[in-house]
Amino acid sequence: GQHVVSGTPGRVFDMIERRVLRTREIKMLILDEADEMLNQGFKEQIYDIYRFLPPNAQIVLISATLPHEVLELTQKFMNDPIKILVKRDELMLEGIKQYFVAVEREEWKFSTLCDIYEMLVVTQSVIFCNTRQKVMWLAEKMTEANFTVSVMHGEMPQKEREAIMTEFRAGVSRVLISTDVWARGLDVPTVSLVINYDIPTSRETYLHRMGRSGRFGRRGVVIHFAKADEIRVLRDIEQFYSTQIDEMPSNIADVVTK
């Protein structure tokens, strides 16, 4: 049997129910993105999984934030847990250049986007929007402009999302347009540019989106589209993470290739 198990509660519980995963020998269970799992209503499934584990199994919870629900989980499942906290500035990923483009009106964002793609040579890129409707609208506009585009959002079934990710990794499309469902935990080596078509709704989301570019020591570029009232949000993020977000220079292609 398996000694170490890592995964989402839904998948782990499904494998236990189908007897693909035998729990008798499990020594360690790792639940990644614990805060996000609880947000998505996996609490009962986590409890169900715990009932199947041997009493001496070690539970590891990995979480970007520590809301009350996560702390409650640690109290229920762990004996004398050790808490390892990472400083905010250590979460910051090295080698990522950040810029913002001041956009006066929402409807001007698309032409700005097209201008950026004309200026930069990009292998693959990810564009984040805050809503499914915006994702679908932008995908249609970019397809009309002859971009090869993949689309992903939270209302898609897991299997469909996995199929889209497999295609994107294989290079079937050069642009992935997504809501924040893709902002956590996935890595595609060829992604060198992330564009926040919409400014992230939280500091944590900002961090996860940024992490899609330039992971594991690779260089990456993140460009934020900011309307006048959103510049202060970027300044707040800048201060919180001790980082620098400059206005995008006109010679962006020269800056990026350095």
Protein backbone atom coordinates (compact mmCIF):
# COMPACT_ATOMS: atom_id res chain seq x y z
CA GLY A 1 0.00 0.00 0.00
CA GLN A 2 0.90 3.68 -0.35
CA HIS A 3 2.79 5.40 2.50
CA VAL A 4 2.43 9.04 1.38
CA VAL A 5 -0.72 10.47 -0.23
CA SER A 6 -1.08 13.98 -1.63
CA GLY A 7 -4.09 15.36 -3.46
CA THR A 8 -7.45 17.09 -3.37
CA PRO A 9 -10.05 15.66 -0.96
CA GLY A 10 -12.46 14.77 -3.79
CA ARG A 11 -9.90 12.71 -5.66
CA VAL A 12 -8.48 11.03 -2.54
CA PHE A 13 -11.93 10.10 -1.23
CA ASP A 14 -12.98 8.78 -4.64
CA MET A 15 -9.90 6.52 -4.74
CA ILE A 16 -10.61 5.26 -1.22
CA GLU A 17 -14.23 4.47 -2.11
CA ARG A 18 -13.17 2.61 -5.27
CA ARG A 19 -10.54 0.75 -3.20
CA VAL A 20 -7.79 1.95 -5.51
CA LEU A 21 -6.15 3.55 -2.49
CA ARG A 22 -5.61 1.32 0.53
CA THR A 23 -5.41 3.40 3.67
CA ARG A 24 -4.02 0.85 6.14
CA GLU A 25 -0.37 1.63 5.32
CA ILE A 26 -0.70 5.43 4.95
CA LYS A 27 1.88 7.25 7.07
CA MET A 28 1.38 10.78 5.72
CA LEU A 29 -1.54 12.64 4.10
CA ILE A 30 -0.75 15.98 2.43
CA LEU A 31 -3.63 18.36 1.70
CA ASP A 32 -2.42 21.24 -0.45
CA GLU A 33 -4.30 24.56 -0.81
CA ALA A 34 -6.24 23.77 2.39
CA ASP A 35 -7.87 27.22 2.54
CA GLU A 36 -9.12 26.94 -1.03
CA MET A 37 -10.48 23.43 -0.43
CA LEU A 38 -12.53 24.67 2.51
CA ASN A 39 -13.83 27.58 0.41
CA GLN A 40 -15.01 25.06 -2.18
CA GLY A 41 -16.95 23.02 0.39
CA PHE A 42 -14.61 20.04 0.83
CA LYS A 43 -14.80 20.13 4.64
CA GLU A 44 -17.02 17.05 5.02
CA GLN A 45 -14.89 15.06 2.57
CA ILE A 46 -11.76 15.88 4.56
CA TYR A 47 -13.52 14.55 7.68
CA ASP A 48 -14.56 11.41 5.77
CA ILE A 49 -10.98 10.76 4.61
CA TYR A 50 -9.67 11.21 8.15
CA ARG A 51 -11.96 8.43 9.41
CA PHE A 52 -10.18 5.94 7.11
CA LEU A 53 -6.63 6.85 8.20
CA PRO A 54 -4.56 4.88 10.73
CA PRO A 55 -4.42 6.68 14.11
CA ASN A 56 -0.68 7.39 13.80
CA ALA A 57 -0.86 8.91 10.29
CA GLN A 58 0.75 12.35 9.96
CA ILE A 59 -1.41 15.12 8.46
CA VAL A 60 0.28 17.96 6.55
CA LEU A 61 -1.81 21.04 5.67
CA ILE A 62 -0.37 23.53 3.19
CA SER A 63 -2.20 26.83 2.96
CA ALA A 64 -1.52 30.30 1.52
CA THR A 65 -3.65 31.87 4.27
CA LEU A 66 -4.67 30.78 7.78
CA PRO A 67 -8.38 31.53 8.17
CA HIS A 68 -10.38 30.25 11.16
CA GLU A 69 -11.57 27.17 9.22
CA VAL A 70 -8.00 25.97 8.58
CA LEU A 71 -7.04 26.45 12.24
CA GLU A 72 -10.18 24.53 13.25
CA LEU A 73 -9.06 21.70 10.97
CA THR A 74 -5.62 21.57 12.58
CA GLN A 75 -7.14 21.37 16.06
CA LYS A 76 -9.42 18.53 15.04
CA PHE A 77 -6.92 16.32 13.19
CA MET A 78 -3.51 17.09 14.66
CA ASN A 79 -1.72 16.41 17.94
CA ASP A 80 0.72 19.19 18.90
CA PRO A 81 0.98 20.50 15.32
CA ILE A 82 4.09 22.39 14.26
CA LYS A 83 3.23 25.62 12.44
CA ILE A 84 5.75 26.78 9.82
CA LEU A 85 5.07 30.32 8.63
CA VAL A 86 6.73 31.81 5.58
CA LYS A 87 7.33 35.57 5.54
CA ARG A 88 5.41 37.57 2.97
CA ASP A 89 8.55 38.79 1.24
CA GLU A 90 9.81 35.19 0.96
CA LEU A 91 6.66 34.33 -0.95
CA MET A 92 7.67 36.86 -3.57
CA LEU A 93 9.01 35.11 -6.63
CA GLU A 94 12.40 36.18 -7.90
CA GLY A 95 13.07 37.11 -11.51
CA ILE A 96 9.64 38.53 -12.34
CA LYS A 97 9.39 41.98 -13.91
CA GLN A 98 6.13 43.79 -13.23
CA TYR A 99 4.52 46.65 -15.09
CA PHE A 100 1.15 48.35 -15.22
CA VAL A 101 -0.63 50.01 -18.11
CA ALA A 102 -2.95 52.87 -17.18
CA VAL A 103 -6.16 52.29 -19.16
CA GLU A 104 -8.71 55.09 -19.06
CA ARG A 105 -11.69 53.00 -20.15
CA GLU A 106 -12.56 49.31 -19.94
CA GLU A 107 -13.23 49.16 -23.70
CA TRP A 108 -9.67 50.31 -24.46
CA LYS A 109 -8.12 47.26 -22.78
CA PHE A 110 -8.49 45.00 -25.81
CA SER A 111 -6.60 47.25 -28.23
CA THR A 112 -3.90 47.66 -25.54
CA LEU A 113 -3.68 43.87 -25.30
CA CYS A 114 -3.24 43.51 -29.07
CA ASP A 115 -0.52 46.20 -29.03
CA ILE A 116 1.42 44.27 -26.36
CA TYR A 117 1.30 41.04 -28.35
CA GLU A 118 2.57 42.92 -31.41
CA MET A 119 5.52 44.28 -29.41
CA LEU A 120 6.54 41.10 -27.56
CA VAL A 121 7.63 37.68 -28.78
CA VAL A 122 5.86 35.34 -26.36
CA THR A 123 5.96 31.53 -26.35
CA GLN A 124 2.87 31.09 -24.20
CA SER A 125 0.94 33.44 -21.96
CA VAL A 126 -1.90 33.48 -19.44
CA ILE A 127 -4.52 36.23 -19.22
CA PHE A 128 -6.55 36.51 -16.01
CA CYS A 129 -10.06 37.96 -15.83
CA ASN A 130 -12.21 38.22 -12.70
CA THR A 131 -15.40 36.70 -14.16
CA ARG A 132 -16.38 33.80 -16.41
CA GLN A 133 -18.36 36.20 -18.64
CA LYS A 134 -15.25 38.33 -19.25
CA VAL A 135 -13.19 35.21 -20.00
CA MET A 136 -15.69 34.05 -22.65
CA TRP A 137 -16.02 37.53 -24.18
CA LEU A 138 -12.24 38.00 -24.40
CA ALA A 139 -11.73 34.53 -25.87
CA GLU A 140 -14.19 35.36 -28.65
CA LYS A 141 -12.49 38.70 -29.37
CA MET A 142 -9.01 37.15 -29.47
CA THR A 143 -10.14 34.26 -31.68
CA GLU A 144 -11.59 36.82 -34.13
CA ALA A 145 -8.15 38.50 -34.08
CA ASN A 146 -6.52 35.17 -35.10
CA PHE A 147 -5.03 34.20 -31.72
CA THR A 148 -5.05 30.51 -30.74
CA VAL A 149 -6.85 30.53 -27.41
CA SER A 150 -7.74 28.10 -24.61
CA VAL A 151 -10.35 28.95 -21.99
CA MET A 152 -10.78 27.85 -18.39
CA HIS A 153 -13.11 28.85 -15.55
CA GLY A 154 -14.48 27.43 -12.31
CA GLU A 155 -17.83 26.31 -13.70
CA MET A 156 -16.17 23.75 -15.99
CA PRO A 157 -16.07 20.11 -14.84
CA GLN A 158 -12.68 19.03 -13.49
CA LYS A 159 -12.10 16.59 -16.37
CA GLU A 160 -12.69 19.30 -18.96
CA ARG A 161 -10.24 21.60 -17.18
CA GLU A 162 -7.63 18.83 -17.10
CA ALA A 163 -8.09 18.21 -20.84
CA ILE A 164 -7.65 21.92 -21.58
CA MET A 165 -4.49 22.02 -19.45
CA THR A 166 -3.07 18.99 -21.29
CA GLU A 167 -3.69 20.73 -24.64
CA PHE A 168 -2.17 24.00 -23.41
CA ARG A 169 0.93 22.22 -22.09
CA ALA A 170 1.28 20.51 -25.47
CA GLY A 171 1.29 23.92 -27.17
CA VAL A 172 -2.04 23.53 -28.99
CA SER A 173 -2.80 27.14 -28.07
CA ARG A 174 -0.49 30.01 -27.19
CA VAL A 175 -2.87 31.92 -24.92
CA LEU A 176 -4.83 30.63 -21.92
CA ILE A 177 -7.61 32.92 -20.68
CA SER A 178 -8.76 32.00 -17.20
CA THR A 179 -10.43 33.05 -13.99
CA ASP A 180 -8.53 32.47 -10.75
CA VAL A 181 -9.25 28.74 -10.95
CA TRP A 182 -5.84 28.50 -12.69
CA ALA A 183 -4.02 30.85 -10.37
CA ARG A 184 -2.98 28.19 -7.87
CA GLY A 185 -0.69 25.23 -8.00
CA LEU A 186 -0.16 24.64 -11.74
CA ASP A 187 3.02 25.12 -13.70
CA VAL A 188 3.60 25.37 -17.44
CA PRO A 189 7.32 25.93 -18.20
CA THR A 190 6.73 27.84 -21.44
CA VAL A 191 4.56 30.57 -19.87
CA SER A 192 6.68 33.73 -19.82
CA LEU A 193 3.96 36.39 -19.72
CA VAL A 194 0.98 36.89 -17.41
CA ILE A 195 -1.51 39.68 -18.11
CA ASN A 196 -4.00 40.78 -15.48
CA TYR A 197 -6.76 42.00 -17.77
CA ASP A 198 -8.63 42.65 -14.52
CA ILE A 199 -6.77 43.63 -11.34
CA PRO A 200 -6.78 40.76 -8.79
CA THR A 201 -9.49 40.99 -6.13
CA SER A 202 -7.14 40.15 -3.23
CA ARG A 203 -3.46 40.27 -2.32
CA GLU A 204 -3.27 36.47 -2.13
CA THR A 205 -4.82 36.11 -5.59
CA TYR A 206 -2.28 38.58 -6.93
CA LEU A 207 0.53 36.44 -5.56
CA HIS A 208 -0.82 33.22 -7.06
CA ARG A 209 -1.39 34.84 -10.46
CA MET A 210 2.14 36.19 -10.46
CA GLY A 211 3.45 32.72 -9.76
CA ARG A 212 2.25 31.48 -13.16
CA SER A 213 5.10 33.41 -14.78
CA GLY A 214 8.81 32.84 -14.28
CA ARG A 215 8.47 29.89 -11.92
CA PHE A 216 11.45 27.99 -10.54
CA GLY A 217 14.07 30.57 -11.41
CA ARG A 218 12.82 31.32 -14.92
CA ARG A 219 12.34 34.90 -15.97
CA GLY A 220 8.83 36.15 -16.38
CA VAL A 221 6.84 39.31 -17.02
CA VAL A 222 3.55 40.36 -15.44
CA ILE A 223 1.55 43.25 -16.90
CA HIS A 224 -1.43 44.72 -15.03
CA PHE A 225 -4.18 46.66 -16.83
CA ALA A 226 -5.28 49.32 -14.34
CA LYS A 227 -8.03 51.89 -14.60
CA ALA A 228 -7.52 55.18 -12.72
CA ASP A 229 -9.27 54.00 -9.54
CA GLU A 230 -7.25 50.75 -9.51
CA ILE A 231 -3.77 52.30 -9.42
CA ARG A 232 -4.11 52.67 -5.63
CA VAL A 233 -4.87 48.91 -5.37
CA LEU A 234 -1.56 48.20 -7.11
CA ARG A 235 0.22 50.64 -4.80
CA ASP A 236 -1.25 48.81 -1.82
CA ILE A 237 -0.02 45.46 -3.20
CA GLU A 238 3.36 47.02 -3.93
CA GLN A 239 3.72 48.18 -0.32
CA PHE A 240 2.36 44.95 1.18
CA TYR A 241 4.82 42.72 -0.67
CA SER A 242 7.74 45.18 -0.75
CA THR A 243 7.83 44.96 -4.52
CA GLN A 244 7.97 47.37 -7.45
CA ILE A 245 5.36 47.81 -10.18
CA ASP A 246 6.48 50.41 -12.73
CA GLU A 247 4.48 51.92 -15.57
CA MET A 248 5.15 49.92 -18.72
CA PRO A 249 7.82 51.69 -20.83
CA SER A 250 7.31 52.25 -24.55
CA ASN A 251 10.38 50.12 -25.28
CA ILE A 252 8.95 47.13 -23.40
CA ALA A 253 10.36 44.65 -25.94
CA ASP A 254 13.93 45.82 -25.21
CA VAL A 255 13.39 45.72 -21.44
CA VAL A 256 11.88 42.23 -21.46
CA THR A 257 14.60 40.63 -23.59
CA LYS A 258 17.44 41.90 -21.36
